Amino acid sequence: MSLIARLLMIVPSLIAGWFVSEDNVAYWVIAFAIALVFIILSIVFELYVHPLLTREPKA
């Protein structure tokens, strides 16, 4: 289970590493917040943007 969590946190931890030192206590909190933003953006894309892109054009 921790392997799955680590795999999901790779990209957010890389982004957090640009802004916060890895020695900082808040590093994983910021990485988790970035992961939540990615999750929310993917949900919004699937709910609103994807149906618009797959809709057939009206003739």
C-alpha atoms as a PDB file:
ATOM      1  CA  MET A   1       0.000   0.000   0.000  1.00  0.00           C
ATOM      2  CA  SER A   2       2.810   2.438   0.757  1.00  0.00           C
ATOM      3  CA  LEU A   3       4.328   1.702  -2.660  1.00  0.00           C
ATOM      4  CA  ILE A   4       1.120   2.887  -4.337  1.00  0.00           C
ATOM      5  CA  ALA A   5       1.113   6.039  -2.222  1.00  0.00           C
ATOM      6  CA  ARG A   6       4.746   6.739  -3.092  1.00  0.00           C
ATOM      7  CA  LEU A   7       4.091   6.266  -6.797  1.00  0.00           C
ATOM      8  CA  LEU A   8       1.153   8.678  -6.658  1.00  0.00           C
ATOM      9  CA  MET A   9       3.257  11.295  -4.862  1.00  0.00           C
ATOM     10  CA  ILE A  10       6.215  11.324  -7.289  1.00  0.00           C
ATOM     11  CA  VAL A  11       5.068  14.246  -9.455  1.00  0.00           C
ATOM     12  CA  PRO A  12       3.688  16.384  -6.601  1.00  0.00           C
ATOM     13  CA  SER A  13       6.869  15.865  -4.600  1.00  0.00           C
ATOM     14  CA  LEU A  14       8.984  16.952  -7.569  1.00  0.00           C
ATOM     15  CA  ILE A  15       6.906  20.112  -7.925  1.00  0.00           C
ATOM     16  CA  ALA A  16       7.050  20.791  -4.188  1.00  0.00           C
ATOM     17  CA  GLY A  17      10.820  20.352  -4.367  1.00  0.00           C
ATOM     18  CA  TRP A  18      11.040  23.385  -6.638  1.00  0.00           C
ATOM     19  CA  PHE A  19       9.470  25.628  -3.990  1.00  0.00           C
ATOM     20  CA  VAL A  20      10.293  24.073  -0.609  1.00  0.00           C
ATOM     21  CA  SER A  21      13.422  22.426   0.746  1.00  0.00           C
ATOM     22  CA  GLU A  22      13.063  18.690   1.357  1.00  0.00           C
ATOM     23  CA  ASP A  23      14.343  19.245   4.897  1.00  0.00           C
ATOM     24  CA  ASN A  24      11.397  21.504   5.665  1.00  0.00           C
ATOM     25  CA  VAL A  25       8.671  20.003   7.845  1.00  0.00           C
ATOM     26  CA  ALA A  26       5.917  21.235   5.517  1.00  0.00           C
ATOM     27  CA  TYR A  27       7.376  19.519   2.433  1.00  0.00           C
ATOM     28  CA  TRP A  28       4.972  16.564   2.388  1.00  0.00           C
ATOM     29  CA  VAL A  29       2.022  18.756   3.349  1.00  0.00           C
ATOM     30  CA  ILE A  30       2.678  20.934   0.308  1.00  0.00           C
ATOM     31  CA  ALA A  31       3.218  17.869  -1.887  1.00  0.00           C
ATOM     32  CA  PHE A  32      -0.113  16.460  -0.676  1.00  0.00           C
ATOM     33  CA  ALA A  33      -1.855  19.767  -1.443  1.00  0.00           C
ATOM     34  CA  ILE A  34      -0.411  19.706  -4.965  1.00  0.00           C
ATOM     35  CA  ALA A  35      -1.634  16.114  -5.364  1.00  0.00           C
ATOM     36  CA  LEU A  36      -5.125  17.189  -4.307  1.00  0.00           C
ATOM     37  CA  VAL A  37      -5.067  19.959  -6.907  1.00  0.00           C
ATOM     38  CA  PHE A  38      -4.098  17.410  -9.579  1.00  0.00           C
ATOM     39  CA  ILE A  39      -6.937  15.125  -8.498  1.00  0.00           C
ATOM     40  CA  ILE A  40      -9.466  17.970  -8.570  1.00  0.00           C
ATOM     41  CA  LEU A  41      -8.274  19.147 -11.991  1.00  0.00           C
ATOM     42  CA  SER A  42      -8.543  15.631 -13.409  1.00  0.00           C
ATOM     43  CA  ILE A  43     -12.092  15.277 -12.042  1.00  0.00           C
ATOM     44  CA  VAL A  44     -13.094  18.638 -13.520  1.00  0.00           C
ATOM     45  CA  PHE A  45     -11.583  17.633 -16.857  1.00  0.00           C
ATOM     46  CA  GLU A  46     -13.461  14.333 -16.907  1.00  0.00           C
ATOM     47  CA  LEU A  47     -16.771  15.920 -15.895  1.00  0.00           C
ATOM     48  CA  TYR A  48     -16.796  19.046 -18.046  1.00  0.00           C
ATOM     49  CA  VAL A  49     -14.110  19.142 -20.730  1.00  0.00           C
ATOM     50  CA  HIS A  50     -14.014  15.538 -21.923  1.00  0.00           C
ATOM     51  CA  PRO A  51     -17.754  15.395 -22.812  1.00  0.00           C
ATOM     52  CA  LEU A  52     -17.349  18.582 -24.855  1.00  0.00           C
ATOM     53  CA  LEU A  53     -14.420  17.106 -26.766  1.00  0.00           C
ATOM     54  CA  THR A  54     -16.151  13.798 -27.519  1.00  0.00           C
ATOM     55  CA  ARG A  55     -19.484  15.304 -28.534  1.00  0.00           C
ATOM     56  CA  GLU A  56     -20.409  14.748 -32.167  1.00  0.00           C
ATOM     57  CA  PRO A  57     -20.708  17.913 -34.238  1.00  0.00           C
ATOM     58  CA  LYS A  58     -24.223  18.986 -35.177  1.00  0.00           C
ATOM     59  CA  ALA A  59     -24.996  18.664 -38.849  1.00  0.00           C
END
